[in-house]
Amino acid sequence: MALQIGHNRSARGLQGVIFTRDDRAGEGKLSSRLGLVTEAVEATEGMDLYAYLVAQLSKGGKADYVIVDEAQFLAPEQIDQLARIVDDLDMDVFAFGITTDFRTKLFPGSQRLIELADRIEQLQVEALCWCGARATHNARTVDGEMVVEGEQVVVGDVNRPAEEIGYEVLCRRHHRKRMTSAAALSPDVLPVNHPL
């Protein structure tokens, strides 16, 4: 969605600044699971996003809007800086991210974004759990097993080998039961024979 917004606006002659943090494609990249990648400004820890944008504009740069991906990883003060961009520079800011971590706890950046956002929209493309229900929770896996303890931010991917850190979206029921697709397809679980 972030890439689509950037494309649509640039097709109309508008220029934007894209910030991201800890994208799976690497530093200073905004990527999609479809394989699209574009350059972005890495919003490092302690970076003042408002000051960065003002410095670019002061040097003759042009910016009509701001896109932020992985907004959950930003510090609350950086979310405040995004609000200042909207209010003081009269610029649209489109921020994308997830609200909760693998433990179902709000990311500090997401919490502050919810507190300050003019509008919050759920993405139109629904993620689905392995069971087909709407996926609302993120599960972290290590060696294919779901974990519920550890550092809040560990960059991983859904397309990594099982022995590495990965993530899987689950419905609340299967997140509570710690039942990932690998656990559901385990020979210990299937098949279940019921007498007729």
N, C-alpha and C. Protein backbone atom coordinates (compact mmCIF):
# COMPACT_ATOMS: atom_id res chain seq x y z
N MET A 1 0.83 -1.18 0.00
CA MET A 1 0.00 0.00 0.00
C MET A 1 0.88 1.26 0.00
N ALA A 2 1.96 1.24 0.78
CA ALA A 2 2.87 2.39 0.82
C ALA A 2 3.48 2.64 -0.55
N LEU A 3 3.91 1.58 -1.21
CA LEU A 3 4.48 1.71 -2.55
C LEU A 3 3.45 2.21 -3.55
N GLN A 4 2.22 1.75 -3.41
CA GLN A 4 1.15 2.18 -4.31
C GLN A 4 0.84 3.67 -4.14
N ILE A 5 0.77 4.12 -2.91
CA ILE A 5 0.52 5.55 -2.65
C ILE A 5 1.64 6.38 -3.25
N GLY A 6 2.89 5.96 -3.05
CA GLY A 6 4.02 6.68 -3.62
C GLY A 6 3.95 6.72 -5.14
N HIS A 7 3.61 5.60 -5.75
CA HIS A 7 3.51 5.53 -7.21
C HIS A 7 2.40 6.45 -7.73
N ASN A 8 1.24 6.37 -7.12
CA ASN A 8 0.10 7.18 -7.56
C ASN A 8 0.40 8.67 -7.47
N ARG A 9 1.05 9.09 -6.41
CA ARG A 9 1.35 10.51 -6.22
C ARG A 9 2.48 10.96 -7.14
N SER A 10 3.49 10.13 -7.33
CA SER A 10 4.58 10.53 -8.23
C SER A 10 4.09 10.59 -9.68
N ALA A 11 3.10 9.76 -10.03
CA ALA A 11 2.52 9.81 -11.38
C ALA A 11 1.81 11.14 -11.62
N ARG A 12 1.46 11.84 -10.57
CA ARG A 12 0.81 13.16 -10.68
C ARG A 12 1.81 14.29 -10.50
N GLY A 13 3.10 13.96 -10.52
CA GLY A 13 4.13 14.98 -10.42
C GLY A 13 4.50 15.40 -9.01
N LEU A 14 3.98 14.70 -8.01
CA LEU A 14 4.30 15.01 -6.62
C LEU A 14 5.55 14.24 -6.19
N GLN A 15 6.29 14.83 -5.27
CA GLN A 15 7.49 14.17 -4.75
C GLN A 15 7.32 13.92 -3.26
N GLY A 16 7.77 12.77 -2.83
CA GLY A 16 7.64 12.41 -1.43
C GLY A 16 8.94 11.99 -0.81
N VAL A 17 8.94 11.95 0.50
CA VAL A 17 10.05 11.40 1.26
C VAL A 17 9.52 10.13 1.91
N ILE A 18 10.27 9.05 1.77
CA ILE A 18 9.88 7.77 2.35
C ILE A 18 10.84 7.45 3.48
N PHE A 19 10.29 7.24 4.66
CA PHE A 19 11.06 6.79 5.81
C PHE A 19 10.71 5.33 6.09
N THR A 20 11.66 4.56 6.53
CA THR A 20 11.40 3.19 6.96
C THR A 20 12.36 2.86 8.09
N ARG A 21 12.09 1.74 8.74
CA ARG A 21 12.97 1.30 9.84
C ARG A 21 12.97 -0.21 9.87
N ASP A 22 14.13 -0.80 9.79
CA ASP A 22 14.30 -2.25 9.93
C ASP A 22 13.49 -3.06 8.91
N ASP A 23 13.46 -2.61 7.67
CA ASP A 23 12.77 -3.36 6.62
C ASP A 23 13.53 -4.65 6.35
N ARG A 24 12.82 -5.71 6.01
CA ARG A 24 13.43 -7.01 5.76
C ARG A 24 14.40 -6.98 4.59
N ALA A 25 14.27 -5.99 3.68
CA ALA A 25 15.15 -5.88 2.51
C ALA A 25 16.48 -5.20 2.84
N GLY A 26 16.58 -4.64 4.03
CA GLY A 26 17.82 -4.00 4.45
C GLY A 26 17.65 -2.53 4.72
N GLU A 27 18.74 -1.92 5.17
CA GLU A 27 18.72 -0.51 5.57
C GLU A 27 18.42 0.39 4.37
N GLY A 28 17.54 1.36 4.61
CA GLY A 28 17.20 2.33 3.57
C GLY A 28 16.40 1.76 2.42
N LYS A 29 15.62 0.71 2.70
CA LYS A 29 14.79 0.08 1.67
C LYS A 29 13.36 -0.03 2.17
N LEU A 30 12.43 0.12 1.24
CA LEU A 30 11.02 -0.17 1.50
C LEU A 30 10.65 -1.29 0.53
N SER A 31 10.22 -2.41 1.06
CA SER A 31 9.94 -3.57 0.21
C SER A 31 8.56 -4.12 0.48
N SER A 32 8.06 -4.86 -0.51
CA SER A 32 6.79 -5.55 -0.35
C SER A 32 7.05 -7.05 -0.47
N ARG A 33 6.11 -7.83 -0.02
CA ARG A 33 6.22 -9.28 -0.14
C ARG A 33 6.13 -9.73 -1.60
N LEU A 34 5.67 -8.85 -2.48
CA LEU A 34 5.59 -9.17 -3.91
C LEU A 34 6.94 -8.99 -4.61
N GLY A 35 7.94 -8.50 -3.88
CA GLY A 35 9.28 -8.35 -4.45
C GLY A 35 9.61 -6.94 -4.92
N LEU A 36 8.69 -5.99 -4.76
CA LEU A 36 8.97 -4.61 -5.14
C LEU A 36 9.81 -3.95 -4.05
N VAL A 37 10.80 -3.17 -4.48
CA VAL A 37 11.69 -2.50 -3.54
C VAL A 37 11.96 -1.09 -4.04
N THR A 38 12.01 -0.12 -3.13
CA THR A 38 12.39 1.24 -3.48
C THR A 38 13.30 1.79 -2.40
N GLU A 39 14.05 2.81 -2.76
CA GLU A 39 14.95 3.45 -1.81
C GLU A 39 14.12 4.24 -0.78
N ALA A 40 14.64 4.32 0.42
CA ALA A 40 13.98 5.05 1.49
C ALA A 40 15.05 5.61 2.42
N VAL A 41 14.64 6.49 3.30
CA VAL A 41 15.52 7.03 4.33
C VAL A 41 15.34 6.17 5.57
N GLU A 42 16.42 5.60 6.06
CA GLU A 42 16.36 4.78 7.28
C GLU A 42 16.15 5.71 8.47
N ALA A 43 15.05 5.54 9.17
CA ALA A 43 14.73 6.35 10.35
C ALA A 43 15.42 5.72 11.55
N THR A 44 16.67 6.05 11.73
CA THR A 44 17.47 5.45 12.79
C THR A 44 17.02 5.92 14.17
N GLU A 45 17.45 5.19 15.16
CA GLU A 45 17.12 5.55 16.54
C GLU A 45 17.67 6.94 16.85
N GLY A 46 16.83 7.79 17.39
CA GLY A 46 17.25 9.14 17.75
C GLY A 46 17.17 10.16 16.62
N MET A 47 16.89 9.71 15.42
CA MET A 47 16.80 10.64 14.28
C MET A 47 15.57 11.54 14.44
N ASP A 48 15.73 12.82 14.17
CA ASP A 48 14.62 13.76 14.21
C ASP A 48 14.05 13.86 12.80
N LEU A 49 12.90 13.25 12.57
CA LEU A 49 12.30 13.19 11.24
C LEU A 49 11.86 14.57 10.76
N TYR A 50 11.33 15.38 11.67
CA TYR A 50 10.93 16.74 11.32
C TYR A 50 12.15 17.55 10.90
N ALA A 51 13.22 17.51 11.69
CA ALA A 51 14.44 18.27 11.37
C ALA A 51 15.05 17.79 10.06
N TYR A 52 15.01 16.49 9.80
CA TYR A 52 15.53 15.95 8.55
C TYR A 52 14.78 16.56 7.36
N LEU A 53 13.46 16.57 7.45
CA LEU A 53 12.63 17.08 6.36
C LEU A 53 12.85 18.58 6.16
N VAL A 54 12.90 19.33 7.26
CA VAL A 54 13.12 20.77 7.17
C VAL A 54 14.49 21.05 6.54
N ALA A 55 15.51 20.27 6.89
CA ALA A 55 16.85 20.45 6.31
C ALA A 55 16.82 20.19 4.81
N GLN A 56 16.10 19.15 4.39
CA GLN A 56 15.99 18.86 2.95
C GLN A 56 15.29 19.99 2.20
N LEU A 57 14.22 20.50 2.78
CA LEU A 57 13.48 21.61 2.16
C LEU A 57 14.33 22.88 2.13
N SER A 58 15.10 23.12 3.19
CA SER A 58 15.96 24.30 3.27
C SER A 58 17.07 24.28 2.23
N LYS A 59 17.47 23.09 1.80
CA LYS A 59 18.52 22.94 0.77
C LYS A 59 17.93 22.98 -0.63
N GLY A 60 16.64 23.30 -0.75
CA GLY A 60 16.01 23.38 -2.06
C GLY A 60 15.32 22.09 -2.48
N GLY A 61 15.29 21.10 -1.62
CA GLY A 61 14.60 19.86 -1.92
C GLY A 61 13.10 20.07 -1.96
N LYS A 62 12.42 19.15 -2.58
CA LYS A 62 10.96 19.25 -2.69
C LYS A 62 10.33 18.04 -2.02
N ALA A 63 9.28 18.27 -1.28
CA ALA A 63 8.53 17.18 -0.66
C ALA A 63 7.09 17.63 -0.54
N ASP A 64 6.20 16.82 -1.12
CA ASP A 64 4.77 17.12 -1.06
C ASP A 64 4.05 16.23 -0.04
N TYR A 65 4.68 15.13 0.34
CA TYR A 65 4.07 14.18 1.26
C TYR A 65 5.17 13.31 1.87
N VAL A 66 4.81 12.59 2.90
CA VAL A 66 5.74 11.68 3.58
C VAL A 66 5.07 10.32 3.72
N ILE A 67 5.83 9.28 3.44
CA ILE A 67 5.38 7.90 3.66
C ILE A 67 6.31 7.29 4.70
N VAL A 68 5.73 6.60 5.67
CA VAL A 68 6.52 5.92 6.69
C VAL A 68 6.09 4.47 6.74
N ASP A 69 7.03 3.57 6.55
CA ASP A 69 6.72 2.15 6.67
C ASP A 69 7.41 1.61 7.92
N GLU A 70 6.87 0.54 8.46
CA GLU A 70 7.37 -0.05 9.71
C GLU A 70 7.32 0.98 10.84
N ALA A 71 6.24 1.76 10.87
CA ALA A 71 6.07 2.83 11.85
C ALA A 71 6.06 2.31 13.29
N GLN A 72 5.74 1.04 13.47
CA GLN A 72 5.73 0.48 14.82
C GLN A 72 7.11 0.53 15.48
N PHE A 73 8.17 0.55 14.66
CA PHE A 73 9.52 0.55 15.19
C PHE A 73 10.03 1.94 15.55
N LEU A 74 9.27 2.98 15.20
CA LEU A 74 9.69 4.34 15.55
C LEU A 74 9.48 4.58 17.04
N ALA A 75 10.27 5.49 17.57
CA ALA A 75 10.10 5.91 18.97
C ALA A 75 8.89 6.84 19.06
N PRO A 76 8.23 6.89 20.21
CA PRO A 76 7.08 7.79 20.35
C PRO A 76 7.40 9.24 19.98
N GLU A 77 8.63 9.71 20.29
CA GLU A 77 8.97 11.09 19.93
C GLU A 77 9.05 11.27 18.42
N GLN A 78 9.41 10.21 17.69
CA GLN A 78 9.43 10.31 16.23
C GLN A 78 8.01 10.38 15.67
N ILE A 79 7.07 9.73 16.33
CA ILE A 79 5.66 9.85 15.92
C ILE A 79 5.19 11.28 16.16
N ASP A 80 5.61 11.87 17.28
CA ASP A 80 5.29 13.28 17.55
C ASP A 80 5.85 14.17 16.44
N GLN A 81 7.03 13.85 15.94
CA GLN A 81 7.65 14.62 14.86
C GLN A 81 6.83 14.50 13.57
N LEU A 82 6.28 13.32 13.32
CA LEU A 82 5.41 13.15 12.14
C LEU A 82 4.17 14.02 12.26
N ALA A 83 3.59 14.09 13.46
CA ALA A 83 2.42 14.95 13.68
C ALA A 83 2.80 16.41 13.44
N ARG A 84 4.00 16.78 13.82
CA ARG A 84 4.47 18.16 13.60
C ARG A 84 4.62 18.44 12.11
N ILE A 85 5.05 17.45 11.33
CA ILE A 85 5.15 17.61 9.88
C ILE A 85 3.77 17.92 9.30
N VAL A 86 2.76 17.19 9.77
CA VAL A 86 1.39 17.43 9.31
C VAL A 86 0.93 18.83 9.70
N ASP A 87 1.10 19.16 10.97
CA ASP A 87 0.56 20.41 11.49
C ASP A 87 1.33 21.65 11.06
N ASP A 88 2.67 21.60 11.12
CA ASP A 88 3.48 22.79 10.86
C ASP A 88 3.88 22.95 9.39
N LEU A 89 4.02 21.84 8.68
CA LEU A 89 4.43 21.91 7.28
C LEU A 89 3.26 21.67 6.33
N ASP A 90 2.09 21.39 6.90
CA ASP A 90 0.87 21.16 6.12
C ASP A 90 1.08 20.10 5.04
N MET A 91 1.66 18.99 5.47
CA MET A 91 2.00 17.90 4.57
C MET A 91 1.29 16.63 5.00
N ASP A 92 0.81 15.85 4.04
CA ASP A 92 0.21 14.56 4.37
C ASP A 92 1.31 13.58 4.77
N VAL A 93 1.03 12.81 5.83
CA VAL A 93 1.92 11.73 6.26
C VAL A 93 1.11 10.45 6.27
N PHE A 94 1.60 9.45 5.54
CA PHE A 94 0.96 8.14 5.49
C PHE A 94 1.88 7.17 6.23
N ALA A 95 1.44 6.67 7.38
CA ALA A 95 2.25 5.77 8.19
C ALA A 95 1.64 4.38 8.17
N PHE A 96 2.50 3.39 7.95
CA PHE A 96 2.06 1.99 7.88
C PHE A 96 2.84 1.17 8.90
N GLY A 97 2.15 0.23 9.51
CA GLY A 97 2.82 -0.66 10.45
C GLY A 97 1.79 -1.53 11.14
N ILE A 98 2.30 -2.41 11.94
CA ILE A 98 1.42 -3.29 12.72
C ILE A 98 1.28 -2.69 14.12
N THR A 99 0.22 -3.06 14.81
CA THR A 99 -0.02 -2.46 16.12
C THR A 99 0.65 -3.23 17.25
N THR A 100 0.59 -4.55 17.19
CA THR A 100 1.09 -5.34 18.32
C THR A 100 2.23 -6.27 17.91
N ASP A 101 3.02 -6.63 18.90
CA ASP A 101 4.14 -7.54 18.66
C ASP A 101 3.70 -9.00 18.79
N PHE A 102 4.65 -9.90 18.76
CA PHE A 102 4.36 -11.33 18.82
C PHE A 102 3.78 -11.76 20.16
N ARG A 103 3.87 -10.88 21.17
CA ARG A 103 3.32 -11.17 22.50
C ARG A 103 1.94 -10.53 22.67
N THR A 104 1.42 -9.92 21.63
CA THR A 104 0.16 -9.17 21.59
C THR A 104 0.22 -7.88 22.42
N LYS A 105 1.40 -7.31 22.57
CA LYS A 105 1.59 -6.04 23.28
C LYS A 105 1.80 -4.93 22.25
N LEU A 106 1.24 -3.76 22.50
CA LEU A 106 1.42 -2.63 21.60
C LEU A 106 2.89 -2.24 21.50
N PHE A 107 3.34 -1.98 20.27
CA PHE A 107 4.64 -1.35 20.09
C PHE A 107 4.51 0.09 20.58
N PRO A 108 5.53 0.66 21.22
CA PRO A 108 5.43 2.06 21.66
C PRO A 108 5.14 3.02 20.51
N GLY A 109 5.74 2.81 19.34
CA GLY A 109 5.47 3.67 18.19
C GLY A 109 4.03 3.56 17.73
N SER A 110 3.50 2.35 17.72
CA SER A 110 2.10 2.14 17.32
C SER A 110 1.14 2.79 18.31
N GLN A 111 1.45 2.66 19.58
CA GLN A 111 0.59 3.26 20.60
C GLN A 111 0.51 4.77 20.40
N ARG A 112 1.67 5.39 20.19
CA ARG A 112 1.67 6.85 20.02
C ARG A 112 0.97 7.24 18.72
N LEU A 113 1.13 6.43 17.69
CA LEU A 113 0.47 6.70 16.42
C LEU A 113 -1.05 6.64 16.58
N ILE A 114 -1.53 5.66 17.31
CA ILE A 114 -2.97 5.54 17.57
C ILE A 114 -3.47 6.75 18.35
N GLU A 115 -2.65 7.23 19.28
CA GLU A 115 -3.04 8.39 20.09
C GLU A 115 -3.11 9.68 19.27
N LEU A 116 -2.28 9.81 18.23
CA LEU A 116 -2.18 11.07 17.50
C LEU A 116 -2.79 11.09 16.10
N ALA A 117 -3.02 9.94 15.51
CA ALA A 117 -3.42 9.89 14.10
C ALA A 117 -4.75 10.59 13.86
N ASP A 118 -4.81 11.31 12.74
CA ASP A 118 -6.06 11.92 12.32
C ASP A 118 -7.05 10.86 11.87
N ARG A 119 -6.52 9.80 11.27
CA ARG A 119 -7.37 8.72 10.76
C ARG A 119 -6.58 7.42 10.79
N ILE A 120 -7.25 6.35 11.20
CA ILE A 120 -6.65 5.02 11.20
C ILE A 120 -7.50 4.12 10.34
N GLU A 121 -6.86 3.44 9.40
CA GLU A 121 -7.57 2.52 8.52
C GLU A 121 -6.88 1.17 8.54
N GLN A 122 -7.68 0.14 8.56
CA GLN A 122 -7.15 -1.20 8.42
C GLN A 122 -6.95 -1.46 6.94
N LEU A 123 -5.87 -2.12 6.59
CA LEU A 123 -5.63 -2.40 5.18
C LEU A 123 -6.76 -3.21 4.58
N GLN A 124 -7.05 -2.93 3.33
CA GLN A 124 -8.15 -3.61 2.65
C GLN A 124 -7.80 -5.07 2.36
N VAL A 125 -6.54 -5.37 2.15
CA VAL A 125 -6.13 -6.74 1.87
C VAL A 125 -6.02 -7.47 3.21
N GLU A 126 -6.92 -8.41 3.43
CA GLU A 126 -6.92 -9.14 4.69
C GLU A 126 -5.88 -10.24 4.70
N ALA A 127 -5.16 -10.32 5.77
CA ALA A 127 -4.26 -11.46 5.97
C ALA A 127 -5.10 -12.60 6.53
N LEU A 128 -4.77 -13.80 6.12
CA LEU A 128 -5.51 -14.97 6.58
C LEU A 128 -4.62 -15.91 7.37
N CYS A 129 -5.19 -16.45 8.42
CA CYS A 129 -4.54 -17.50 9.20
C CYS A 129 -4.52 -18.77 8.36
N TRP A 130 -3.70 -19.73 8.74
CA TRP A 130 -3.64 -21.00 8.02
C TRP A 130 -4.99 -21.69 7.99
N CYS A 131 -5.87 -21.40 8.96
CA CYS A 131 -7.19 -22.04 9.01
C CYS A 131 -8.20 -21.35 8.10
N GLY A 132 -7.85 -20.19 7.55
CA GLY A 132 -8.75 -19.45 6.67
C GLY A 132 -9.44 -18.29 7.35
N ALA A 133 -9.35 -18.20 8.68
CA ALA A 133 -9.96 -17.08 9.41
C ALA A 133 -9.09 -15.83 9.25
N ARG A 134 -9.66 -14.67 9.53
CA ARG A 134 -8.91 -13.41 9.45
C ARG A 134 -7.76 -13.44 10.45
N ALA A 135 -6.55 -13.16 9.96
CA ALA A 135 -5.36 -13.14 10.82
C ALA A 135 -5.24 -11.78 11.48
N THR A 136 -5.14 -11.77 12.79
CA THR A 136 -5.07 -10.52 13.55
C THR A 136 -3.85 -10.44 14.45
N HIS A 137 -3.08 -11.52 14.54
CA HIS A 137 -1.95 -11.58 15.47
C HIS A 137 -0.70 -12.08 14.75
N ASN A 138 0.44 -11.60 15.20
CA ASN A 138 1.72 -12.02 14.65
C ASN A 138 2.37 -13.02 15.59
N ALA A 139 2.81 -14.12 15.03
CA ALA A 139 3.51 -15.13 15.83
C ALA A 139 4.97 -15.14 15.41
N ARG A 140 5.87 -15.16 16.38
CA ARG A 140 7.30 -15.31 16.08
C ARG A 140 7.63 -16.78 16.23
N THR A 141 8.38 -17.30 15.27
CA THR A 141 8.82 -18.70 15.35
C THR A 141 10.35 -18.75 15.36
N VAL A 142 10.86 -19.69 16.12
CA VAL A 142 12.29 -19.98 16.15
C VAL A 142 12.40 -21.48 15.94
N ASP A 143 13.15 -21.86 14.93
CA ASP A 143 13.26 -23.28 14.56
C ASP A 143 11.88 -23.89 14.33
N GLY A 144 10.96 -23.09 13.80
CA GLY A 144 9.62 -23.58 13.47
C GLY A 144 8.65 -23.62 14.62
N GLU A 145 9.11 -23.32 15.84
CA GLU A 145 8.25 -23.34 17.03
C GLU A 145 7.88 -21.92 17.44
N MET A 146 6.62 -21.71 17.79
CA MET A 146 6.16 -20.39 18.23
C MET A 146 6.74 -20.06 19.59
N VAL A 147 7.23 -18.83 19.73
CA VAL A 147 7.77 -18.34 21.00
C VAL A 147 6.96 -17.13 21.44
N VAL A 148 6.89 -16.91 22.75
CA VAL A 148 6.13 -15.77 23.28
C VAL A 148 6.97 -14.93 24.24
N GLU A 149 8.27 -15.15 24.25
CA GLU A 149 9.17 -14.36 25.08
C GLU A 149 10.36 -13.95 24.23
N GLY A 150 11.00 -12.85 24.64
CA GLY A 150 12.18 -12.37 23.93
C GLY A 150 12.09 -10.89 23.64
N GLU A 151 13.10 -10.38 22.95
CA GLU A 151 13.16 -8.97 22.59
C GLU A 151 11.94 -8.60 21.74
N GLN A 152 11.43 -7.40 21.93
CA GLN A 152 10.25 -6.99 21.18
C GLN A 152 10.53 -6.88 19.69
N VAL A 153 11.70 -6.38 19.32
CA VAL A 153 12.02 -6.19 17.91
C VAL A 153 13.16 -7.12 17.51
N VAL A 154 12.83 -8.06 16.65
CA VAL A 154 13.81 -8.94 16.01
C VAL A 154 13.36 -9.04 14.57
N VAL A 155 14.18 -8.57 13.65
CA VAL A 155 13.79 -8.58 12.25
C VAL A 155 13.89 -10.00 11.72
N GLY A 156 12.81 -10.47 11.16
CA GLY A 156 12.74 -11.79 10.56
C GLY A 156 11.82 -11.72 9.36
N ASP A 157 11.49 -12.87 8.81
CA ASP A 157 10.64 -12.87 7.63
C ASP A 157 9.83 -14.14 7.59
N VAL A 158 8.73 -14.08 6.84
CA VAL A 158 7.88 -15.25 6.69
C VAL A 158 8.47 -16.24 5.69
N ASN A 159 9.49 -15.83 4.95
CA ASN A 159 10.05 -16.69 3.91
C ASN A 159 11.43 -17.24 4.26
N ARG A 160 11.75 -17.32 5.54
CA ARG A 160 13.06 -17.82 5.95
C ARG A 160 12.96 -19.28 6.35
N PRO A 161 14.08 -20.01 6.28
CA PRO A 161 14.07 -21.41 6.71
C PRO A 161 13.61 -21.54 8.16
N ALA A 162 13.06 -22.70 8.50
CA ALA A 162 12.47 -22.92 9.83
C ALA A 162 13.48 -22.75 10.96
N GLU A 163 14.78 -23.02 10.70
CA GLU A 163 15.75 -22.92 11.78
C GLU A 163 16.10 -21.47 12.13
N GLU A 164 15.56 -20.54 11.38
CA GLU A 164 15.79 -19.14 11.66
C GLU A 164 14.55 -18.52 12.29
N ILE A 165 14.69 -17.24 12.64
CA ILE A 165 13.54 -16.50 13.18
C ILE A 165 12.62 -16.15 12.03
N GLY A 166 11.35 -16.42 12.23
CA GLY A 166 10.34 -16.10 11.23
C GLY A 166 9.09 -15.58 11.89
N TYR A 167 8.14 -15.18 11.08
CA TYR A 167 6.87 -14.68 11.58
C TYR A 167 5.74 -15.30 10.76
N GLU A 168 4.63 -15.51 11.43
CA GLU A 168 3.44 -16.04 10.78
C GLU A 168 2.23 -15.32 11.35
N VAL A 169 1.31 -14.94 10.48
CA VAL A 169 0.08 -14.30 10.97
C VAL A 169 -0.94 -15.38 11.30
N LEU A 170 -1.60 -15.19 12.43
CA LEU A 170 -2.58 -16.16 12.92
C LEU A 170 -3.84 -15.45 13.38
N CYS A 171 -4.93 -16.19 13.42
CA CYS A 171 -6.13 -15.67 14.07
C CYS A 171 -5.88 -15.68 15.58
N ARG A 172 -6.70 -14.98 16.34
CA ARG A 172 -6.49 -14.92 17.79
C ARG A 172 -6.55 -16.30 18.43
N ARG A 173 -7.49 -17.12 17.99
CA ARG A 173 -7.66 -18.45 18.59
C ARG A 173 -6.38 -19.28 18.45
N HIS A 174 -5.81 -19.30 17.26
CA HIS A 174 -4.61 -20.12 17.07
C HIS A 174 -3.37 -19.47 17.67
N HIS A 175 -3.36 -18.15 17.79
CA HIS A 175 -2.25 -17.49 18.50
C HIS A 175 -2.30 -17.88 19.98
N ARG A 176 -3.49 -17.84 20.57
CA ARG A 176 -3.63 -18.22 21.99
C ARG A 176 -3.20 -19.66 22.22
N LYS A 177 -3.54 -20.53 21.27
CA LYS A 177 -3.20 -21.95 21.40
C LYS A 177 -1.77 -22.25 20.94
N ARG A 178 -1.08 -21.21 20.45
CA ARG A 178 0.28 -21.36 19.91
C ARG A 178 0.34 -22.41 18.82
N MET A 179 -0.65 -22.34 17.94
CA MET A 179 -0.76 -23.34 16.88
C MET A 179 -0.48 -22.68 15.52
N THR A 180 0.76 -22.80 15.07
CA THR A 180 1.15 -22.30 13.76
C THR A 180 0.75 -23.31 12.69
N SER A 181 0.96 -22.96 11.44
CA SER A 181 0.63 -23.90 10.36
C SER A 181 1.47 -25.17 10.48
N ALA A 182 2.71 -25.05 10.91
CA ALA A 182 3.56 -26.24 11.07
C ALA A 182 3.00 -27.15 12.15
N ALA A 183 2.53 -26.57 13.26
CA ALA A 183 1.96 -27.38 14.33
C ALA A 183 0.65 -28.02 13.89
N ALA A 184 -0.13 -27.29 13.10
CA ALA A 184 -1.42 -27.82 12.65
C ALA A 184 -1.25 -28.98 11.69
N LEU A 185 -0.17 -28.97 10.92
CA LEU A 185 0.06 -30.02 9.94
C LEU A 185 0.92 -31.16 10.48
N SER A 186 1.24 -31.09 11.75
CA SER A 186 2.06 -32.12 12.38
C SER A 186 1.32 -33.45 12.39
N PRO A 187 2.04 -34.58 12.19
CA PRO A 187 1.38 -35.87 12.23
C PRO A 187 0.76 -36.18 13.60
N ASP A 188 1.21 -35.46 14.65
CA ASP A 188 0.64 -35.66 15.98
C ASP A 188 -0.75 -35.06 16.07
N VAL A 189 -1.09 -34.17 15.15
CA VAL A 189 -2.39 -33.50 15.20
C VAL A 189 -3.38 -34.09 14.20
N LEU A 190 -2.91 -34.42 12.99
CA LEU A 190 -3.79 -34.91 11.95
C LEU A 190 -3.46 -36.36 11.62
N PRO A 191 -4.34 -37.14 11.13
CA PRO A 191 -5.78 -36.90 11.06
C PRO A 191 -6.46 -37.27 12.37
N VAL A 192 -7.60 -36.72 12.57
CA VAL A 192 -8.43 -37.08 13.73
C VAL A 192 -9.56 -37.94 13.23
N ASN A 193 -9.65 -39.15 13.74
CA ASN A 193 -10.70 -40.06 13.30
C ASN A 193 -11.85 -40.03 14.29
N HIS A 194 -13.03 -39.77 13.78
CA HIS A 194 -14.23 -39.79 14.61
C HIS A 194 -15.11 -40.94 14.13
N PRO A 195 -15.70 -41.70 15.06
CA PRO A 195 -16.63 -42.74 14.64
C PRO A 195 -17.88 -42.11 14.04
N LEU A 196 -18.40 -42.72 13.02
CA LEU A 196 -19.60 -42.19 12.36
C LEU A 196 -20.84 -42.46 13.11
